[in-house]
Amino acid sequence: MLYWALVFLVVALVAGALGFGGIAGASTGIAQILFYIFLILLVVSLVMGLMRRRG
């Protein structure tokens, strides 16, 4: 999932550099959403791993 967030970030940067503001904005939004989902899943998996070790 982090890979796709980085792909959309690169698309947003290229589109922004070429002057496609709408595409750049949409790609940036998608990249942010995917990155936050990745962070939430990372935290959940870390907490579950810590709980499994203690239990």
PDB file of N, CA and C in Angstrom:
ATOM      1  N   MET A   1       0.826  -1.190   0.000  1.00  0.00           N
ATOM      2  CA  MET A   1       0.000   0.000   0.000  1.00  0.00           C
ATOM      3  C   MET A   1       0.868   1.250   0.000  1.00  0.00           C
ATOM      4  N   LEU A   2       1.987   1.171   0.690  1.00  0.00           N
ATOM      5  CA  LEU A   2       2.900   2.305   0.693  1.00  0.00           C
ATOM      6  C   LEU A   2       3.437   2.546  -0.716  1.00  0.00           C
ATOM      7  N   TYR A   3       3.621   1.487  -1.468  1.00  0.00           N
ATOM      8  CA  TYR A   3       4.074   1.608  -2.849  1.00  0.00           C
ATOM      9  C   TYR A   3       3.089   2.448  -3.670  1.00  0.00           C
ATOM     10  N   TRP A   4       1.792   2.158  -3.517  1.00  0.00           N
ATOM     11  CA  TRP A   4       0.790   2.891  -4.288  1.00  0.00           C
ATOM     12  C   TRP A   4       0.708   4.343  -3.850  1.00  0.00           C
ATOM     13  N   ALA A   5       0.892   4.601  -2.564  1.00  0.00           N
ATOM     14  CA  ALA A   5       0.909   5.983  -2.092  1.00  0.00           C
ATOM     15  C   ALA A   5       2.065   6.743  -2.730  1.00  0.00           C
ATOM     16  N   LEU A   6       3.216   6.103  -2.828  1.00  0.00           N
ATOM     17  CA  LEU A   6       4.359   6.753  -3.469  1.00  0.00           C
ATOM     18  C   LEU A   6       4.145   6.939  -4.966  1.00  0.00           C
ATOM     19  N   VAL A   7       3.485   5.972  -5.613  1.00  0.00           N
ATOM     20  CA  VAL A   7       3.188   6.105  -7.039  1.00  0.00           C
ATOM     21  C   VAL A   7       2.286   7.310  -7.278  1.00  0.00           C
ATOM     22  N   PHE A   8       1.227   7.454  -6.484  1.00  0.00           N
ATOM     23  CA  PHE A   8       0.332   8.592  -6.658  1.00  0.00           C
ATOM     24  C   PHE A   8       1.020   9.906  -6.313  1.00  0.00           C
ATOM     25  N   LEU A   9       1.961   9.872  -5.372  1.00  0.00           N
ATOM     26  CA  LEU A   9       2.717  11.081  -5.057  1.00  0.00           C
ATOM     27  C   LEU A   9       3.583  11.496  -6.242  1.00  0.00           C
ATOM     28  N   VAL A  10       4.228  10.544  -6.876  1.00  0.00           N
ATOM     29  CA  VAL A  10       5.051  10.849  -8.049  1.00  0.00           C
ATOM     30  C   VAL A  10       4.176  11.365  -9.193  1.00  0.00           C
ATOM     31  N   VAL A  11       3.010  10.748  -9.399  1.00  0.00           N
ATOM     32  CA  VAL A  11       2.090  11.221 -10.429  1.00  0.00           C
ATOM     33  C   VAL A  11       1.666  12.656 -10.135  1.00  0.00           C
ATOM     34  N   ALA A  12       1.406  12.961  -8.879  1.00  0.00           N
ATOM     35  CA  ALA A  12       1.010  14.316  -8.509  1.00  0.00           C
ATOM     36  C   ALA A  12       2.136  15.312  -8.763  1.00  0.00           C
ATOM     37  N   LEU A  13       3.362  14.920  -8.446  1.00  0.00           N
ATOM     38  CA  LEU A  13       4.489  15.825  -8.677  1.00  0.00           C
ATOM     39  C   LEU A  13       4.715  16.083 -10.166  1.00  0.00           C
ATOM     40  N   VAL A  14       4.631  15.031 -10.975  1.00  0.00           N
ATOM     41  CA  VAL A  14       4.818  15.187 -12.414  1.00  0.00           C
ATOM     42  C   VAL A  14       3.681  16.017 -13.006  1.00  0.00           C
ATOM     43  N   ALA A  15       2.463  15.727 -12.608  1.00  0.00           N
ATOM     44  CA  ALA A  15       1.318  16.474 -13.131  1.00  0.00           C
ATOM     45  C   ALA A  15       1.393  17.940 -12.703  1.00  0.00           C
ATOM     46  N   GLY A  16       1.824  18.187 -11.484  1.00  0.00           N
ATOM     47  CA  GLY A  16       1.973  19.561 -11.026  1.00  0.00           C
ATOM     48  C   GLY A  16       3.049  20.305 -11.793  1.00  0.00           C
ATOM     49  N   ALA A  17       4.136  19.621 -12.101  1.00  0.00           N
ATOM     50  CA  ALA A  17       5.228  20.253 -12.847  1.00  0.00           C
ATOM     51  C   ALA A  17       4.807  20.560 -14.290  1.00  0.00           C
ATOM     52  N   LEU A  18       3.921  19.742 -14.843  1.00  0.00           N
ATOM     53  CA  LEU A  18       3.470  19.957 -16.216  1.00  0.00           C
ATOM     54  C   LEU A  18       2.268  20.895 -16.299  1.00  0.00           C
ATOM     55  N   GLY A  19       1.739  21.311 -15.152  1.00  0.00           N
ATOM     56  CA  GLY A  19       0.650  22.279 -15.153  1.00  0.00           C
ATOM     57  C   GLY A  19      -0.747  21.688 -15.111  1.00  0.00           C
ATOM     58  N   PHE A  20      -0.864  20.411 -14.823  1.00  0.00           N
ATOM     59  CA  PHE A  20      -2.180  19.784 -14.702  1.00  0.00           C
ATOM     60  C   PHE A  20      -2.611  19.832 -13.237  1.00  0.00           C
ATOM     61  N   GLY A  21      -3.195  20.951 -12.832  1.00  0.00           N
ATOM     62  CA  GLY A  21      -3.532  21.165 -11.421  1.00  0.00           C
ATOM     63  C   GLY A  21      -4.585  20.223 -10.887  1.00  0.00           C
ATOM     64  N   GLY A  22      -5.609  19.924 -11.693  1.00  0.00           N
ATOM     65  CA  GLY A  22      -6.679  19.039 -11.224  1.00  0.00           C
ATOM     66  C   GLY A  22      -6.200  17.628 -10.976  1.00  0.00           C
ATOM     67  N   ILE A  23      -5.416  17.122 -11.906  1.00  0.00           N
ATOM     68  CA  ILE A  23      -4.879  15.769 -11.755  1.00  0.00           C
ATOM     69  C   ILE A  23      -3.905  15.721 -10.585  1.00  0.00           C
ATOM     70  N   ALA A  24      -3.098  16.763 -10.428  1.00  0.00           N
ATOM     71  CA  ALA A  24      -2.138  16.804  -9.329  1.00  0.00           C
ATOM     72  C   ALA A  24      -2.865  16.827  -7.986  1.00  0.00           C
ATOM     73  N   GLY A  25      -3.925  17.593  -7.897  1.00  0.00           N
ATOM     74  CA  GLY A  25      -4.686  17.657  -6.645  1.00  0.00           C
ATOM     75  C   GLY A  25      -5.345  16.342  -6.304  1.00  0.00           C
ATOM     76  N   ALA A  26      -5.921  15.694  -7.305  1.00  0.00           N
ATOM     77  CA  ALA A  26      -6.570  14.402  -7.078  1.00  0.00           C
ATOM     78  C   ALA A  26      -5.548  13.341  -6.681  1.00  0.00           C
ATOM     79  N   SER A  27      -4.410  13.323  -7.349  1.00  0.00           N
ATOM     80  CA  SER A  27      -3.377  12.337  -7.019  1.00  0.00           C
ATOM     81  C   SER A  27      -2.809  12.581  -5.623  1.00  0.00           C
ATOM     82  N   THR A  28      -2.666  13.835  -5.257  1.00  0.00           N
ATOM     83  CA  THR A  28      -2.176  14.143  -3.916  1.00  0.00           C
ATOM     84  C   THR A  28      -3.160  13.668  -2.862  1.00  0.00           C
ATOM     85  N   GLY A  29      -4.432  13.878  -3.096  1.00  0.00           N
ATOM     86  CA  GLY A  29      -5.450  13.417  -2.152  1.00  0.00           C
ATOM     87  C   GLY A  29      -5.458  11.910  -2.008  1.00  0.00           C
ATOM     88  N   ILE A  30      -5.361  11.205  -3.124  1.00  0.00           N
ATOM     89  CA  ILE A  30      -5.327   9.737  -3.078  1.00  0.00           C
ATOM     90  C   ILE A  30      -4.083   9.261  -2.346  1.00  0.00           C
ATOM     91  N   ALA A  31      -2.940   9.897  -2.612  1.00  0.00           N
ATOM     92  CA  ALA A  31      -1.698   9.507  -1.944  1.00  0.00           C
ATOM     93  C   ALA A  31      -1.796   9.727  -0.440  1.00  0.00           C
ATOM     94  N   GLN A  32      -2.410  10.818  -0.026  1.00  0.00           N
ATOM     95  CA  GLN A  32      -2.557  11.082   1.410  1.00  0.00           C
ATOM     96  C   GLN A  32      -3.451  10.045   2.065  1.00  0.00           C
ATOM     97  N   ILE A  33      -4.573   9.725   1.426  1.00  0.00           N
ATOM     98  CA  ILE A  33      -5.485   8.731   1.994  1.00  0.00           C
ATOM     99  C   ILE A  33      -4.798   7.381   2.114  1.00  0.00           C
ATOM    100  N   LEU A  34      -4.107   6.950   1.076  1.00  0.00           N
ATOM    101  CA  LEU A  34      -3.413   5.658   1.125  1.00  0.00           C
ATOM    102  C   LEU A  34      -2.319   5.655   2.184  1.00  0.00           C
ATOM    103  N   PHE A  35      -1.613   6.771   2.333  1.00  0.00           N
ATOM    104  CA  PHE A  35      -0.550   6.841   3.335  1.00  0.00           C
ATOM    105  C   PHE A  35      -1.119   6.741   4.741  1.00  0.00           C
ATOM    106  N   TYR A  36      -2.238   7.425   5.004  1.00  0.00           N
ATOM    107  CA  TYR A  36      -2.845   7.352   6.335  1.00  0.00           C
ATOM    108  C   TYR A  36      -3.398   5.964   6.619  1.00  0.00           C
ATOM    109  N   ILE A  37      -3.978   5.317   5.617  1.00  0.00           N
ATOM    110  CA  ILE A  37      -4.443   3.944   5.799  1.00  0.00           C
ATOM    111  C   ILE A  37      -3.260   3.033   6.106  1.00  0.00           C
ATOM    112  N   PHE A  38      -2.144   3.230   5.400  1.00  0.00           N
ATOM    113  CA  PHE A  38      -0.936   2.449   5.669  1.00  0.00           C
ATOM    114  C   PHE A  38      -0.474   2.652   7.103  1.00  0.00           C
ATOM    115  N   LEU A  39      -0.450   3.907   7.575  1.00  0.00           N
ATOM    116  CA  LEU A  39      -0.005   4.174   8.946  1.00  0.00           C
ATOM    117  C   LEU A  39      -0.926   3.527   9.972  1.00  0.00           C
ATOM    118  N   ILE A  40      -2.228   3.589   9.742  1.00  0.00           N
ATOM    119  CA  ILE A  40      -3.179   2.977  10.677  1.00  0.00           C
ATOM    120  C   ILE A  40      -2.976   1.465  10.717  1.00  0.00           C
ATOM    121  N   LEU A  41      -2.830   0.842   9.553  1.00  0.00           N
ATOM    122  CA  LEU A  41      -2.613  -0.606   9.531  1.00  0.00           C
ATOM    123  C   LEU A  41      -1.277  -0.986  10.172  1.00  0.00           C
ATOM    124  N   LEU A  42      -0.254  -0.152  10.009  1.00  0.00           N
ATOM    125  CA  LEU A  42       1.031  -0.404  10.643  1.00  0.00           C
ATOM    126  C   LEU A  42       0.909  -0.371  12.158  1.00  0.00           C
ATOM    127  N   VAL A  43       0.234   0.634  12.681  1.00  0.00           N
ATOM    128  CA  VAL A  43       0.066   0.755  14.131  1.00  0.00           C
ATOM    129  C   VAL A  43      -0.756  -0.418  14.674  1.00  0.00           C
ATOM    130  N   VAL A  44      -1.826  -0.785  13.970  1.00  0.00           N
ATOM    131  CA  VAL A  44      -2.649  -1.909  14.413  1.00  0.00           C
ATOM    132  C   VAL A  44      -1.839  -3.199  14.430  1.00  0.00           C
ATOM    133  N   SER A  45      -1.041  -3.433  13.403  1.00  0.00           N
ATOM    134  CA  SER A  45      -0.253  -4.665  13.368  1.00  0.00           C
ATOM    135  C   SER A  45       0.833  -4.661  14.443  1.00  0.00           C
ATOM    136  N   LEU A  46       1.418  -3.507  14.733  1.00  0.00           N
ATOM    137  CA  LEU A  46       2.406  -3.444  15.811  1.00  0.00           C
ATOM    138  C   LEU A  46       1.771  -3.721  17.169  1.00  0.00           C
ATOM    139  N   VAL A  47       0.608  -3.151  17.419  1.00  0.00           N
ATOM    140  CA  VAL A  47      -0.080  -3.377  18.693  1.00  0.00           C
ATOM    141  C   VAL A  47      -0.485  -4.835  18.821  1.00  0.00           C
ATOM    142  N   MET A  48      -1.000  -5.411  17.745  1.00  0.00           N
ATOM    143  CA  MET A  48      -1.390  -6.825  17.796  1.00  0.00           C
ATOM    144  C   MET A  48      -0.173  -7.719  18.021  1.00  0.00           C
ATOM    145  N   GLY A  49       0.946  -7.388  17.423  1.00  0.00           N
ATOM    146  CA  GLY A  49       2.168  -8.160  17.633  1.00  0.00           C
ATOM    147  C   GLY A  49       2.652  -8.072  19.068  1.00  0.00           C
ATOM    148  N   LEU A  50       2.576  -6.890  19.658  1.00  0.00           N
ATOM    149  CA  LEU A  50       2.976  -6.730  21.063  1.00  0.00           C
ATOM    150  C   LEU A  50       2.031  -7.474  22.002  1.00  0.00           C
ATOM    151  N   MET A  51       0.747  -7.463  21.696  1.00  0.00           N
ATOM    152  CA  MET A  51      -0.216  -8.166  22.538  1.00  0.00           C
ATOM    153  C   MET A  51      -0.025  -9.677  22.428  1.00  0.00           C
ATOM    154  N   ARG A  52       0.345 -10.151  21.256  1.00  0.00           N
ATOM    155  CA  ARG A  52       0.543 -11.584  21.061  1.00  0.00           C
ATOM    156  C   ARG A  52       1.776 -12.062  21.826  1.00  0.00           C
ATOM    157  N   ARG A  53       2.811 -11.239  21.900  1.00  0.00           N
ATOM    158  CA  ARG A  53       4.015 -11.620  22.646  1.00  0.00           C
ATOM    159  C   ARG A  53       3.756 -11.687  24.143  1.00  0.00           C
ATOM    160  N   ARG A  54       2.969 -10.751  24.663  1.00  0.00           N
ATOM    161  CA  ARG A  54       2.703 -10.717  26.106  1.00  0.00           C
ATOM    162  C   ARG A  54       1.768 -11.839  26.537  1.00  0.00           C
ATOM    163  N   GLY A  55       0.848 -12.194  25.665  1.00  0.00           N
ATOM    164  CA  GLY A  55      -0.197 -13.157  26.033  1.00  0.00           C
ATOM    165  C   GLY A  55       0.255 -14.522  25.874  1.00  0.00           C
TER     166      GLY A  55
END
